[in-house]
Amino acid sequence: MDEIKPGLVDELLKGYEKPEDIIGENGLLKRLTKALLERALNAELTHHLGYVKHDPAGHNSGNSRNGVTRKTVKGEFGEIVVDTPRDRNGSFEPQILGKHQTRFDGFDDKILSL
């Protein structure tokens, strides 16, 4: 895996003043965890369906995206609300954050296993 670009880190830390800006209730780590989880879940659904969102290949495919379900997840970072994508047939089984899973520990381990 490639290294994270310093410019990206600088952009994320723009306006940083105190530790709470990173690890606080609405800190960067919590927001970044939410964004990464939602991106990964959407990528998993794309892989499951075999086409990207809004791709004409998905029309009349027998299964398609069907909105999201909000889920509150608890972890080392506290609680976050994650939008989990759904498919019409209900056959999508997410790997990074499984159905009915409400605890999310070992984020680094999960990312490395993917």
Protein backbone atom coordinates (compact mmCIF):
# COMPACT_ATOMS: atom_id res chain seq x y z
CA MET A 1 0.00 0.00 0.00
CA ASP A 2 1.25 3.49 -0.82
CA GLU A 3 2.10 6.02 1.83
CA ILE A 4 -0.40 8.78 2.63
CA LYS A 5 0.70 11.98 0.93
CA PRO A 6 1.94 14.67 3.34
CA GLY A 7 -0.20 17.27 1.55
CA LEU A 8 -3.32 15.27 2.34
CA VAL A 9 -2.36 15.05 6.02
CA ASP A 10 -1.70 18.80 6.05
CA GLU A 11 -5.14 19.43 4.55
CA LEU A 12 -6.80 17.18 7.13
CA LEU A 13 -5.00 18.94 9.98
CA LYS A 14 -5.85 22.43 8.71
CA GLY A 15 -7.21 24.38 11.66
CA TYR A 16 -5.75 21.97 14.24
CA GLU A 17 -5.39 23.71 17.59
CA LYS A 18 -5.74 21.12 20.35
CA PRO A 19 -5.87 17.32 20.81
CA GLU A 20 -9.69 17.37 20.93
CA ASP A 21 -9.64 18.46 17.28
CA ILE A 22 -8.28 14.98 16.49
CA ILE A 23 -9.55 12.67 19.21
CA GLY A 24 -12.54 14.59 20.60
CA GLU A 25 -16.27 13.90 20.22
CA ASN A 26 -16.37 15.42 16.71
CA GLY A 27 -12.67 14.98 16.04
CA LEU A 28 -10.86 14.08 12.88
CA LEU A 29 -10.34 10.40 13.79
CA LYS A 30 -14.04 9.82 14.35
CA ARG A 31 -15.06 11.59 11.13
CA LEU A 32 -12.32 9.83 9.17
CA THR A 33 -13.37 6.41 10.54
CA LYS A 34 -16.98 7.08 9.48
CA ALA A 35 -15.92 8.21 6.00
CA LEU A 36 -13.59 5.22 5.49
CA LEU A 37 -16.21 2.72 6.67
CA GLU A 38 -18.89 4.17 4.39
CA ARG A 39 -16.50 4.23 1.41
CA ALA A 40 -15.42 0.64 2.04
CA LEU A 41 -19.03 -0.54 2.40
CA ASN A 42 -19.98 1.14 -0.87
CA ALA A 43 -16.97 -0.43 -2.60
CA GLU A 44 -18.01 -3.85 -1.26
CA LEU A 45 -21.55 -3.37 -2.62
CA THR A 46 -20.16 -2.30 -5.99
CA HIS A 47 -18.07 -5.47 -6.07
CA HIS A 48 -21.08 -7.58 -5.01
CA LEU A 49 -23.36 -6.11 -7.69
CA GLY A 50 -20.70 -6.05 -10.40
CA TYR A 51 -21.28 -2.46 -11.53
CA VAL A 52 -20.71 1.07 -10.21
CA LYS A 53 -23.49 3.32 -9.00
CA HIS A 54 -25.58 4.82 -11.84
CA ASP A 55 -23.98 2.49 -14.42
CA PRO A 56 -26.51 1.53 -17.13
CA ALA A 57 -25.21 -2.05 -16.79
CA GLY A 58 -27.23 -2.27 -13.58
CA HIS A 59 -30.59 -1.62 -15.26
CA ASN A 60 -32.73 -4.77 -15.19
CA SER A 61 -29.83 -6.71 -13.66
CA GLY A 62 -32.05 -8.45 -11.14
CA ASN A 63 -30.42 -6.74 -8.19
CA SER A 64 -29.64 -3.10 -7.54
CA ARG A 65 -28.82 -0.60 -4.83
CA ASN A 66 -31.68 0.07 -2.45
CA GLY A 67 -30.68 3.02 -0.29
CA VAL A 68 -28.95 2.83 3.06
CA THR A 69 -29.63 1.76 6.59
CA ARG A 70 -28.28 3.84 9.46
CA LYS A 71 -26.42 1.91 12.10
CA THR A 72 -24.86 3.11 15.35
CA VAL A 73 -21.47 1.51 15.86
CA LYS A 74 -19.45 1.57 19.07
CA GLY A 75 -15.69 1.29 19.20
CA GLU A 76 -12.49 2.66 20.62
CA PHE A 77 -13.47 6.04 19.15
CA GLY A 78 -16.87 6.19 20.87
CA GLU A 79 -20.09 5.95 18.84
CA ILE A 80 -20.65 6.84 15.20
CA VAL A 81 -23.64 6.54 12.91
CA VAL A 82 -22.74 4.77 9.67
CA ASP A 83 -24.85 4.66 6.50
CA THR A 84 -24.73 1.02 5.37
CA PRO A 85 -25.77 0.44 1.74
CA ARG A 86 -28.42 -2.16 0.88
CA ASP A 87 -29.26 -4.17 -2.20
CA ARG A 88 -32.77 -5.00 -3.32
CA ASN A 89 -32.40 -8.76 -2.96
CA GLY A 90 -30.85 -8.55 0.51
CA SER A 91 -27.96 -10.78 -0.57
CA PHE A 92 -25.22 -8.24 0.22
CA GLU A 93 -23.10 -9.44 3.18
CA PRO A 94 -20.62 -6.68 4.09
CA GLN A 95 -17.23 -7.84 5.34
CA ILE A 96 -15.75 -4.78 7.03
CA LEU A 97 -18.86 -4.18 9.15
CA GLY A 98 -21.20 -7.16 9.10
CA LYS A 99 -24.97 -7.16 9.31
CA HIS A 100 -26.16 -6.72 12.90
CA GLN A 101 -22.61 -5.86 14.04
CA THR A 102 -22.68 -2.99 16.55
CA ARG A 103 -19.12 -3.10 17.89
CA PHE A 104 -16.17 -2.11 15.78
CA ASP A 105 -12.82 -2.84 17.40
CA GLY A 106 -9.48 -3.45 15.75
CA PHE A 107 -9.97 -1.02 12.84
CA ASP A 108 -6.31 -1.37 11.79
CA ASP A 109 -6.57 -5.17 11.76
CA LYS A 110 -9.69 -5.07 9.59
CA ILE A 111 -8.11 -2.69 7.06
CA LEU A 112 -4.99 -4.85 6.80
CA SER A 113 -7.04 -8.03 6.30
CA LEU A 114 -8.80 -6.50 3.28
